[in-house]
């Protein structure tokens, strides 16, 4: 199954050549925020509308080495959260959005 994580290009640039990626939220909240395909447009509009270019990491959940938990978040909607770093080989694509 694919899930998605949105990241700013400047942040991704510092991780793309490493073996794993860690969003700031892993340190501040204990997990990395992700979305399902049907949630992506809403999340982009809610949090990144004025961000300019963003990157969307396509993450294959079967390849993750960190724990994935589906739990309530904004508006009590269920979102996928990754409790640990994202191993780079679980990222199947990086798509640019403006």
PDB file of N, CA and C in Angstrom:
ATOM      1  N   UNK A   1       0.844  -1.174   0.000  1.00  0.00           N
ATOM      2  CA  UNK A   1       0.000   0.000   0.000  1.00  0.00           C
ATOM      3  C   UNK A   1       0.895   1.244   0.000  1.00  0.00           C
ATOM      4  N   UNK A   2       0.490   2.240  -0.751  1.00  0.00           N
ATOM      5  CA  UNK A   2       1.226   3.505  -0.746  1.00  0.00           C
ATOM      6  C   UNK A   2       0.606   4.495   0.222  1.00  0.00           C
ATOM      7  N   UNK A   3       1.472   5.201   0.933  1.00  0.00           N
ATOM      8  CA  UNK A   3       1.084   6.372   1.721  1.00  0.00           C
ATOM      9  C   UNK A   3       1.997   7.503   1.292  1.00  0.00           C
ATOM     10  N   UNK A   4       1.702   8.711   1.751  1.00  0.00           N
ATOM     11  CA  UNK A   4       2.397   9.885   1.233  1.00  0.00           C
ATOM     12  C   UNK A   4       2.835  10.804   2.374  1.00  0.00           C
ATOM     13  N   UNK A   5       4.005  11.401   2.182  1.00  0.00           N
ATOM     14  CA  UNK A   5       4.536  12.390   3.123  1.00  0.00           C
ATOM     15  C   UNK A   5       4.959  13.609   2.328  1.00  0.00           C
ATOM     16  N   UNK A   6       4.570  14.780   2.795  1.00  0.00           N
ATOM     17  CA  UNK A   6       4.890  16.036   2.116  1.00  0.00           C
ATOM     18  C   UNK A   6       6.089  16.680   2.809  1.00  0.00           C
ATOM     19  N   UNK A   7       7.036  17.128   1.997  1.00  0.00           N
ATOM     20  CA  UNK A   7       8.259  17.720   2.542  1.00  0.00           C
ATOM     21  C   UNK A   7       8.696  18.887   1.650  1.00  0.00           C
ATOM     22  N   UNK A   8       9.304  19.877   2.255  1.00  0.00           N
ATOM     23  CA  UNK A   8       9.856  20.996   1.489  1.00  0.00           C
ATOM     24  C   UNK A   8      11.148  20.552   0.811  1.00  0.00           C
ATOM     25  N   UNK A   9      11.410  21.037  -0.397  1.00  0.00           N
ATOM     26  CA  UNK A   9      12.617  20.626  -1.120  1.00  0.00           C
ATOM     27  C   UNK A   9      13.908  20.840  -0.333  1.00  0.00           C
ATOM     28  N   UNK A  10      14.011  21.937   0.397  1.00  0.00           N
ATOM     29  CA  UNK A  10      15.235  22.224   1.150  1.00  0.00           C
ATOM     30  C   UNK A  10      15.479  21.185   2.243  1.00  0.00           C
ATOM     31  N   UNK A  11      14.415  20.675   2.822  1.00  0.00           N
ATOM     32  CA  UNK A  11      14.547  19.631   3.851  1.00  0.00           C
ATOM     33  C   UNK A  11      14.947  18.313   3.192  1.00  0.00           C
ATOM     34  N   UNK A  12      14.271  17.956   2.122  1.00  0.00           N
ATOM     35  CA  UNK A  12      14.565  16.701   1.427  1.00  0.00           C
ATOM     36  C   UNK A  12      16.002  16.661   0.918  1.00  0.00           C
ATOM     37  N   UNK A  13      16.503  17.794   0.447  1.00  0.00           N
ATOM     38  CA  UNK A  13      17.869  17.850  -0.082  1.00  0.00           C
ATOM     39  C   UNK A  13      18.904  17.354   0.922  1.00  0.00           C
ATOM     40  N   UNK A  14      18.657  17.572   2.202  1.00  0.00           N
ATOM     41  CA  UNK A  14      19.632  17.147   3.206  1.00  0.00           C
ATOM     42  C   UNK A  14      19.530  15.662   3.556  1.00  0.00           C
ATOM     43  N   UNK A  15      18.496  14.984   3.059  1.00  0.00           N
ATOM     44  CA  UNK A  15      18.292  13.563   3.375  1.00  0.00           C
ATOM     45  C   UNK A  15      18.382  12.632   2.176  1.00  0.00           C
ATOM     46  N   UNK A  16      18.218  13.149   0.972  1.00  0.00           N
ATOM     47  CA  UNK A  16      18.037  12.275  -0.188  1.00  0.00           C
ATOM     48  C   UNK A  16      19.198  11.328  -0.457  1.00  0.00           C
ATOM     49  N   UNK A  17      20.386  11.636   0.047  1.00  0.00           N
ATOM     50  CA  UNK A  17      21.538  10.754  -0.154  1.00  0.00           C
ATOM     51  C   UNK A  17      21.865   9.924   1.083  1.00  0.00           C
ATOM     52  N   UNK A  18      20.974   9.916   2.053  1.00  0.00           N
ATOM     53  CA  UNK A  18      21.170   9.122   3.275  1.00  0.00           C
ATOM     54  C   UNK A  18      20.369   7.828   3.200  1.00  0.00           C
ATOM     55  N   UNK A  19      20.542   6.992   4.175  1.00  0.00           N
ATOM     56  CA  UNK A  19      19.824   5.714   4.182  1.00  0.00           C
ATOM     57  C   UNK A  19      18.430   5.820   4.793  1.00  0.00           C
ATOM     58  N   UNK A  20      18.150   6.951   5.478  1.00  0.00           N
ATOM     59  CA  UNK A  20      16.822   7.137   6.055  1.00  0.00           C
ATOM     60  C   UNK A  20      16.492   8.621   6.158  1.00  0.00           C
ATOM     61  N   UNK A  21      15.202   8.899   6.275  1.00  0.00           N
ATOM     62  CA  UNK A  21      14.677  10.261   6.364  1.00  0.00           C
ATOM     63  C   UNK A  21      13.948  10.427   7.685  1.00  0.00           C
ATOM     64  N   UNK A  22      14.141  11.578   8.328  1.00  0.00           N
ATOM     65  CA  UNK A  22      13.449  11.889   9.572  1.00  0.00           C
ATOM     66  C   UNK A  22      12.866  13.284   9.482  1.00  0.00           C
ATOM     67  N   UNK A  23      11.555  13.378   9.530  1.00  0.00           N
ATOM     68  CA  UNK A  23      10.898  14.685   9.583  1.00  0.00           C
ATOM     69  C   UNK A  23      11.091  15.272  10.974  1.00  0.00           C
ATOM     70  N   UNK A  24      11.027  16.582  11.070  1.00  0.00           N
ATOM     71  CA  UNK A  24      11.161  17.260  12.362  1.00  0.00           C
ATOM     72  C   UNK A  24      10.132  16.750  13.369  1.00  0.00           C
ATOM     73  N   UNK A  25       8.951  16.380  12.874  1.00  0.00           N
ATOM     74  CA  UNK A  25       7.895  15.908  13.773  1.00  0.00           C
ATOM     75  C   UNK A  25       8.271  14.628  14.521  1.00  0.00           C
ATOM     76  N   UNK A  26       9.222  13.874  13.998  1.00  0.00           N
ATOM     77  CA  UNK A  26       9.664  12.672  14.701  1.00  0.00           C
ATOM     78  C   UNK A  26      10.269  13.052  16.049  1.00  0.00           C
ATOM     79  N   UNK A  27      11.004  14.164  16.089  1.00  0.00           N
ATOM     80  CA  UNK A  27      11.597  14.636  17.342  1.00  0.00           C
ATOM     81  C   UNK A  27      10.569  15.352  18.222  1.00  0.00           C
ATOM     82  N   UNK A  28       9.696  16.146  17.607  1.00  0.00           N
ATOM     83  CA  UNK A  28       8.766  16.974  18.383  1.00  0.00           C
ATOM     84  C   UNK A  28       7.483  16.248  18.789  1.00  0.00           C
ATOM     85  N   UNK A  29       7.026  15.276  17.957  1.00  0.00           N
ATOM     86  CA  UNK A  29       5.767  14.593  18.239  1.00  0.00           C
ATOM     87  C   UNK A  29       5.918  13.078  18.378  1.00  0.00           C
ATOM     88  N   UNK A  30       7.072  12.554  17.990  1.00  0.00           N
ATOM     89  CA  UNK A  30       7.316  11.131  18.120  1.00  0.00           C
ATOM     90  C   UNK A  30       6.963  10.299  16.902  1.00  0.00           C
ATOM     91  N   UNK A  31       6.479  10.947  15.843  1.00  0.00           N
ATOM     92  CA  UNK A  31       6.135  10.215  14.621  1.00  0.00           C
ATOM     93  C   UNK A  31       6.211  11.141  13.418  1.00  0.00           C
ATOM     94  N   UNK A  32       6.152  10.552  12.229  1.00  0.00           N
ATOM     95  CA  UNK A  32       6.148  11.296  10.970  1.00  0.00           C
ATOM     96  C   UNK A  32       4.741  11.253  10.397  1.00  0.00           C
ATOM     97  N   UNK A  33       4.192  12.426  10.124  1.00  0.00           N
ATOM     98  CA  UNK A  33       2.849  12.541   9.556  1.00  0.00           C
ATOM     99  C   UNK A  33       2.827  12.059   8.111  1.00  0.00           C
ATOM    100  N   UNK A  34       1.847  11.254   7.772  1.00  0.00           N
ATOM    101  CA  UNK A  34       1.633  10.813   6.392  1.00  0.00           C
ATOM    102  C   UNK A  34       0.152  10.902   6.079  1.00  0.00           C
ATOM    103  N   UNK A  35      -0.176  10.656   4.824  1.00  0.00           N
ATOM    104  CA  UNK A  35      -1.563  10.705   4.358  1.00  0.00           C
ATOM    105  C   UNK A  35      -1.827   9.544   3.423  1.00  0.00           C
ATOM    106  N   UNK A  36      -3.105   9.192   3.320  1.00  0.00           N
ATOM    107  CA  UNK A  36      -3.550   8.277   2.279  1.00  0.00           C
ATOM    108  C   UNK A  36      -3.829   9.115   1.038  1.00  0.00           C
ATOM    109  N   UNK A  37      -3.943   8.476  -0.115  1.00  0.00           N
ATOM    110  CA  UNK A  37      -4.148   9.183  -1.380  1.00  0.00           C
ATOM    111  C   UNK A  37      -5.362  10.112  -1.329  1.00  0.00           C
ATOM    112  N   UNK A  38      -6.454   9.651  -0.744  1.00  0.00           N
ATOM    113  CA  UNK A  38      -7.668  10.457  -0.697  1.00  0.00           C
ATOM    114  C   UNK A  38      -7.570  11.645   0.261  1.00  0.00           C
ATOM    115  N   UNK A  39      -6.540  11.716   1.080  1.00  0.00           N
ATOM    116  CA  UNK A  39      -6.352  12.816   2.028  1.00  0.00           C
ATOM    117  C   UNK A  39      -5.337  13.843   1.532  1.00  0.00           C
ATOM    118  N   UNK A  40      -4.595  13.507   0.523  1.00  0.00           N
ATOM    119  CA  UNK A  40      -3.444  14.314   0.099  1.00  0.00           C
ATOM    120  C   UNK A  40      -3.821  15.738  -0.301  1.00  0.00           C
ATOM    121  N   UNK A  41      -4.823  15.908  -1.120  1.00  0.00           N
ATOM    122  CA  UNK A  41      -5.200  17.250  -1.576  1.00  0.00           C
ATOM    123  C   UNK A  41      -5.652  18.132  -0.416  1.00  0.00           C
ATOM    124  N   UNK A  42      -6.389  17.565   0.519  1.00  0.00           N
ATOM    125  CA  UNK A  42      -6.846  18.327   1.684  1.00  0.00           C
ATOM    126  C   UNK A  42      -5.674  18.762   2.543  1.00  0.00           C
ATOM    127  N   UNK A  43      -4.716  17.865   2.757  1.00  0.00           N
ATOM    128  CA  UNK A  43      -3.530  18.196   3.564  1.00  0.00           C
ATOM    129  C   UNK A  43      -2.696  19.261   2.858  1.00  0.00           C
ATOM    130  N   UNK A  44      -2.522  19.128   1.542  1.00  0.00           N
ATOM    131  CA  UNK A  44      -1.768  20.143   0.796  1.00  0.00           C
ATOM    132  C   UNK A  44      -2.421  21.516   0.938  1.00  0.00           C
ATOM    133  N   UNK A  45      -3.719  21.561   0.808  1.00  0.00           N
ATOM    134  CA  UNK A  45      -4.428  22.841   0.915  1.00  0.00           C
ATOM    135  C   UNK A  45      -4.378  23.396   2.340  1.00  0.00           C
ATOM    136  N   UNK A  46      -4.560  22.531   3.328  1.00  0.00           N
ATOM    137  CA  UNK A  46      -4.608  22.964   4.727  1.00  0.00           C
ATOM    138  C   UNK A  46      -3.265  23.483   5.230  1.00  0.00           C
ATOM    139  N   UNK A  47      -2.166  22.788   4.896  1.00  0.00           N
ATOM    140  CA  UNK A  47      -0.873  23.103   5.492  1.00  0.00           C
ATOM    141  C   UNK A  47       0.171  23.680   4.538  1.00  0.00           C
ATOM    142  N   UNK A  48      -0.023  23.521   3.236  1.00  0.00           N
ATOM    143  CA  UNK A  48       1.030  23.899   2.289  1.00  0.00           C
ATOM    144  C   UNK A  48       0.554  24.825   1.179  1.00  0.00           C
ATOM    145  N   UNK A  49      -0.608  25.418   1.338  1.00  0.00           N
ATOM    146  CA  UNK A  49      -1.183  26.239   0.282  1.00  0.00           C
ATOM    147  C   UNK A  49      -0.258  27.364  -0.169  1.00  0.00           C
ATOM    148  N   UNK A  50       0.461  27.960   0.753  1.00  0.00           N
ATOM    149  CA  UNK A  50       1.349  29.079   0.422  1.00  0.00           C
ATOM    150  C   UNK A  50       2.829  28.709   0.484  1.00  0.00           C
ATOM    151  N   UNK A  51       3.122  27.428   0.437  1.00  0.00           N
ATOM    152  CA  UNK A  51       4.507  26.967   0.592  1.00  0.00           C
ATOM    153  C   UNK A  51       5.301  27.005  -0.705  1.00  0.00           C
ATOM    154  N   UNK A  52       4.627  27.219  -1.827  1.00  0.00           N
ATOM    155  CA  UNK A  52       5.336  27.134  -3.104  1.00  0.00           C
ATOM    156  C   UNK A  52       5.525  25.683  -3.477  1.00  0.00           C
ATOM    157  N   UNK A  53       6.701  25.337  -3.945  1.00  0.00           N
ATOM    158  CA  UNK A  53       6.980  23.967  -4.358  1.00  0.00           C
ATOM    159  C   UNK A  53       7.151  23.057  -3.142  1.00  0.00           C
ATOM    160  N   UNK A  54       6.497  21.915  -3.189  1.00  0.00           N
ATOM    161  CA  UNK A  54       6.672  20.870  -2.175  1.00  0.00           C
ATOM    162  C   UNK A  54       6.962  19.563  -2.899  1.00  0.00           C
ATOM    163  N   UNK A  55       7.474  18.620  -2.158  1.00  0.00           N
ATOM    164  CA  UNK A  55       7.719  17.284  -2.692  1.00  0.00           C
ATOM    165  C   UNK A  55       6.817  16.296  -1.962  1.00  0.00           C
ATOM    166  N   UNK A  56       6.306  15.351  -2.712  1.00  0.00           N
ATOM    167  CA  UNK A  56       5.472  14.309  -2.126  1.00  0.00           C
ATOM    168  C   UNK A  56       6.231  12.995  -2.224  1.00  0.00           C
ATOM    169  N   UNK A  57       6.551  12.444  -1.068  1.00  0.00           N
ATOM    170  CA  UNK A  57       7.237  11.157  -1.020  1.00  0.00           C
ATOM    171  C   UNK A  57       6.196  10.049  -1.073  1.00  0.00           C
ATOM    172  N   UNK A  58       6.313   9.157  -2.050  1.00  0.00           N
ATOM    173  CA  UNK A  58       5.457   7.975  -2.132  1.00  0.00           C
ATOM    174  C   UNK A  58       6.152   6.877  -1.344  1.00  0.00           C
ATOM    175  N   UNK A  59       5.485   6.370  -0.337  1.00  0.00           N
ATOM    176  CA  UNK A  59       6.097   5.403   0.575  1.00  0.00           C
ATOM    177  C   UNK A  59       5.359   4.073   0.486  1.00  0.00           C
ATOM    178  N   UNK A  60       6.095   3.028   0.194  1.00  0.00           N
ATOM    179  CA  UNK A  60       5.528   1.671   0.132  1.00  0.00           C
ATOM    180  C   UNK A  60       5.564   1.090   1.549  1.00  0.00           C
ATOM    181  N   UNK A  61       4.382   0.922   2.141  1.00  0.00           N
ATOM    182  CA  UNK A  61       4.310   0.518   3.547  1.00  0.00           C
ATOM    183  C   UNK A  61       4.919  -0.856   3.809  1.00  0.00           C
ATOM    184  N   UNK A  62       4.859  -1.744   2.826  1.00  0.00           N
ATOM    185  CA  UNK A  62       5.412  -3.087   3.017  1.00  0.00           C
ATOM    186  C   UNK A  62       6.936  -3.076   3.139  1.00  0.00           C
ATOM    187  N   UNK A  63       7.565  -1.998   2.698  1.00  0.00           N
ATOM    188  CA  UNK A  63       9.022  -1.895   2.761  1.00  0.00           C
ATOM    189  C   UNK A  63       9.512  -1.131   3.995  1.00  0.00           C
ATOM    190  N   UNK A  64       8.591  -0.516   4.739  1.00  0.00           N
ATOM    191  CA  UNK A  64       8.993   0.262   5.916  1.00  0.00           C
ATOM    192  C   UNK A  64       9.637  -0.622   6.974  1.00  0.00           C
ATOM    193  N   UNK A  65      10.695  -0.111   7.580  1.00  0.00           N
ATOM    194  CA  UNK A  65      11.315  -0.820   8.699  1.00  0.00           C
ATOM    195  C   UNK A  65      10.858  -0.250  10.040  1.00  0.00           C
ATOM    196  N   UNK A  66      10.231   0.923  10.034  1.00  0.00           N
ATOM    197  CA  UNK A  66       9.674   1.521  11.252  1.00  0.00           C
ATOM    198  C   UNK A  66       8.195   1.176  11.365  1.00  0.00           C
ATOM    199  N   UNK A  67       7.677   1.303  12.559  1.00  0.00           N
ATOM    200  CA  UNK A  67       6.289   0.946  12.836  1.00  0.00           C
ATOM    201  C   UNK A  67       5.319   1.970  12.230  1.00  0.00           C
ATOM    202  N   UNK A  68       4.290   1.490  11.557  1.00  0.00           N
ATOM    203  CA  UNK A  68       3.234   2.314  10.992  1.00  0.00           C
ATOM    204  C   UNK A  68       1.977   2.102  11.816  1.00  0.00           C
ATOM    205  N   UNK A  69       1.393   3.206  12.289  1.00  0.00           N
ATOM    206  CA  UNK A  69       0.164   3.127  13.071  1.00  0.00           C
ATOM    207  C   UNK A  69      -0.875   4.041  12.437  1.00  0.00           C
ATOM    208  N   UNK A  70      -2.061   3.517  12.238  1.00  0.00           N
ATOM    209  CA  UNK A  70      -3.183   4.311  11.756  1.00  0.00           C
ATOM    210  C   UNK A  70      -3.917   4.823  12.985  1.00  0.00           C
ATOM    211  N   UNK A  71      -4.044   6.153  13.096  1.00  0.00           N
ATOM    212  CA  UNK A  71      -4.687   6.707  14.284  1.00  0.00           C
ATOM    213  C   UNK A  71      -5.362   8.032  13.977  1.00  0.00           C
ATOM    214  N   UNK A  72      -6.293   8.437  14.842  1.00  0.00           N
ATOM    215  CA  UNK A  72      -7.016   9.685  14.604  1.00  0.00           C
ATOM    216  C   UNK A  72      -6.104  10.900  14.707  1.00  0.00           C
ATOM    217  N   UNK A  73      -6.366  11.867  13.849  1.00  0.00           N
ATOM    218  CA  UNK A  73      -5.624  13.128  13.861  1.00  0.00           C
ATOM    219  C   UNK A  73      -6.632  14.252  13.614  1.00  0.00           C
ATOM    220  N   UNK A  74      -6.343  15.150  12.675  1.00  0.00           N
ATOM    221  CA  UNK A  74      -7.210  16.286  12.388  1.00  0.00           C
ATOM    222  C   UNK A  74      -8.640  15.823  12.120  1.00  0.00           C
ATOM    223  N   UNK A  75      -9.594  16.496  12.758  1.00  0.00           N
ATOM    224  CA  UNK A  75     -11.023  16.173  12.624  1.00  0.00           C
ATOM    225  C   UNK A  75     -11.335  14.715  12.946  1.00  0.00           C
ATOM    226  N   UNK A  76     -10.500  14.106  13.765  1.00  0.00           N
ATOM    227  CA  UNK A  76     -10.660  12.711  14.184  1.00  0.00           C
ATOM    228  C   UNK A  76     -10.592  11.720  13.024  1.00  0.00           C
ATOM    229  N   UNK A  77     -10.053  12.172  11.887  1.00  0.00           N
ATOM    230  CA  UNK A  77      -9.890  11.312  10.724  1.00  0.00           C
ATOM    231  C   UNK A  77      -8.647  10.437  10.930  1.00  0.00           C
ATOM    232  N   UNK A  78      -8.697   9.204  10.445  1.00  0.00           N
ATOM    233  CA  UNK A  78      -7.594   8.268  10.605  1.00  0.00           C
ATOM    234  C   UNK A  78      -6.499   8.572   9.574  1.00  0.00           C
ATOM    235  N   UNK A  79      -5.282   8.757  10.070  1.00  0.00           N
ATOM    236  CA  UNK A  79      -4.111   9.024   9.230  1.00  0.00           C
ATOM    237  C   UNK A  79      -3.021   8.017   9.553  1.00  0.00           C
ATOM    238  N   UNK A  80      -2.142   7.724   8.590  1.00  0.00           N
ATOM    239  CA  UNK A  80      -0.998   6.861   8.862  1.00  0.00           C
ATOM    240  C   UNK A  80       0.152   7.673   9.477  1.00  0.00           C
ATOM    241  N   UNK A  81       0.693   7.191  10.565  1.00  0.00           N
ATOM    242  CA  UNK A  81       1.827   7.820  11.234  1.00  0.00           C
ATOM    243  C   UNK A  81       2.959   6.807  11.328  1.00  0.00           C
ATOM    244  N   UNK A  82       4.159   7.257  11.012  1.00  0.00           N
ATOM    245  CA  UNK A  82       5.337   6.382  11.068  1.00  0.00           C
ATOM    246  C   UNK A  82       6.126   6.714  12.332  1.00  0.00           C
ATOM    247  N   UNK A  83       6.277   5.720  13.200  1.00  0.00           N
ATOM    248  CA  UNK A  83       6.988   5.884  14.464  1.00  0.00           C
ATOM    249  C   UNK A  83       8.435   5.446  14.302  1.00  0.00           C
ATOM    250  N   UNK A  84       9.200   6.298  13.668  1.00  0.00           N
ATOM    251  CA  UNK A  84      10.610   6.049  13.408  1.00  0.00           C
ATOM    252  C   UNK A  84      10.978   6.685  12.090  1.00  0.00           C
ATOM    253  N   UNK A  85      12.214   6.505  11.688  1.00  0.00           N
ATOM    254  CA  UNK A  85      12.660   7.087  10.430  1.00  0.00           C
ATOM    255  C   UNK A  85      12.103   6.287   9.253  1.00  0.00           C
ATOM    256  N   UNK A  86      12.104   6.917   8.082  1.00  0.00           N
ATOM    257  CA  UNK A  86      11.662   6.255   6.860  1.00  0.00           C
ATOM    258  C   UNK A  86      12.907   5.780   6.116  1.00  0.00           C
ATOM    259  N   UNK A  87      13.046   4.480   5.963  1.00  0.00           N
ATOM    260  CA  UNK A  87      14.171   3.950   5.196  1.00  0.00           C
ATOM    261  C   UNK A  87      13.988   4.348   3.731  1.00  0.00           C
ATOM    262  N   UNK A  88      15.063   4.834   3.131  1.00  0.00           N
ATOM    263  CA  UNK A  88      15.000   5.385   1.776  1.00  0.00           C
ATOM    264  C   UNK A  88      14.479   4.371   0.759  1.00  0.00           C
ATOM    265  N   UNK A  89      14.776   3.103   0.936  1.00  0.00           N
ATOM    266  CA  UNK A  89      14.305   2.129  -0.040  1.00  0.00           C
ATOM    267  C   UNK A  89      12.791   1.899   0.014  1.00  0.00           C
ATOM    268  N   UNK A  90      12.108   2.440   1.013  1.00  0.00           N
ATOM    269  CA  UNK A  90      10.641   2.387   1.067  1.00  0.00           C
ATOM    270  C   UNK A  90      10.009   3.525   0.261  1.00  0.00           C
ATOM    271  N   UNK A  91      10.822   4.518  -0.113  1.00  0.00           N
ATOM    272  CA  UNK A  91      10.327   5.654  -0.899  1.00  0.00           C
ATOM    273  C   UNK A  91      10.436   5.285  -2.380  1.00  0.00           C
ATOM    274  N   UNK A  92       9.281   5.107  -3.015  1.00  0.00           N
ATOM    275  CA  UNK A  92       9.255   4.623  -4.388  1.00  0.00           C
ATOM    276  C   UNK A  92       9.258   5.747  -5.423  1.00  0.00           C
ATOM    277  N   UNK A  93       8.886   6.960  -5.002  1.00  0.00           N
ATOM    278  CA  UNK A  93       8.867   8.086  -5.924  1.00  0.00           C
ATOM    279  C   UNK A  93       8.866   9.377  -5.135  1.00  0.00           C
ATOM    280  N   UNK A  94       9.381  10.431  -5.744  1.00  0.00           N
ATOM    281  CA  UNK A  94       9.354  11.773  -5.172  1.00  0.00           C
ATOM    282  C   UNK A  94       8.768  12.674  -6.254  1.00  0.00           C
ATOM    283  N   UNK A  95       7.580  13.198  -6.006  1.00  0.00           N
ATOM    284  CA  UNK A  95       6.883  14.008  -6.999  1.00  0.00           C
ATOM    285  C   UNK A  95       6.856  15.470  -6.558  1.00  0.00           C
ATOM    286  N   UNK A  96       7.134  16.357  -7.486  1.00  0.00           N
ATOM    287  CA  UNK A  96       7.134  17.802  -7.209  1.00  0.00           C
ATOM    288  C   UNK A  96       5.748  18.370  -7.459  1.00  0.00           C
ATOM    289  N   UNK A  97       5.298  19.236  -6.532  1.00  0.00           N
ATOM    290  CA  UNK A  97       4.006  19.933  -6.685  1.00  0.00           C
ATOM    291  C   UNK A  97       4.221  21.419  -6.456  1.00  0.00           C
ATOM    292  N   UNK A  98       3.567  22.227  -7.244  1.00  0.00           N
ATOM    293  CA  UNK A  98       3.632  23.693  -7.093  1.00  0.00           C
ATOM    294  C   UNK A  98       2.308  24.227  -6.606  1.00  0.00           C
TER     295      UNK A  98
END
